[in-house]
Amino acid sequence: MFSKRFVKVMVYLMLFAMVSSVVLYAVGMIMG
């Protein structure tokens, strides 16, 4: 079903954005 697949993709994108932002923040704290 299209809607379920779309929701799953949106959830994955949100999780990826959160993880990447946290990783970038941690790297900035370590390097800076």
Protein backbone atom coordinates (compact mmCIF):
# COMPACT_ATOMS: atom_id res chain seq x y z
CA MET A 1 0.00 0.00 0.00
CA PHE A 2 1.35 3.41 -1.00
CA SER A 3 0.47 5.32 2.17
CA LYS A 4 2.12 2.79 4.48
CA ARG A 5 5.29 2.78 2.38
CA PHE A 6 5.30 6.59 2.32
CA VAL A 7 4.92 6.77 6.10
CA LYS A 8 7.75 4.28 6.57
CA VAL A 9 10.03 6.30 4.30
CA MET A 10 9.17 9.51 6.17
CA VAL A 11 9.95 7.85 9.52
CA TYR A 12 13.28 6.58 8.20
CA LEU A 13 14.16 10.06 6.90
CA MET A 14 13.29 11.66 10.25
CA LEU A 15 15.36 9.11 12.16
CA PHE A 16 18.29 9.59 9.77
CA ALA A 17 18.09 13.38 10.17
CA MET A 18 18.03 13.09 13.96
CA VAL A 19 20.98 10.67 14.07
CA SER A 20 23.05 12.72 11.62
CA SER A 21 22.39 15.95 13.54
CA VAL A 22 23.36 14.29 16.84
CA VAL A 23 26.53 12.87 15.27
CA LEU A 24 27.47 16.25 13.80
CA TYR A 25 26.84 17.91 17.18
CA ALA A 26 29.04 15.34 18.95
CA VAL A 27 31.82 15.75 16.37
CA GLY A 28 31.61 19.52 16.77
CA MET A 29 31.89 19.24 20.55
CA ILE A 30 34.88 16.88 20.28
CA MET A 31 36.71 18.84 17.59
CA GLY A 32 35.80 22.30 18.85
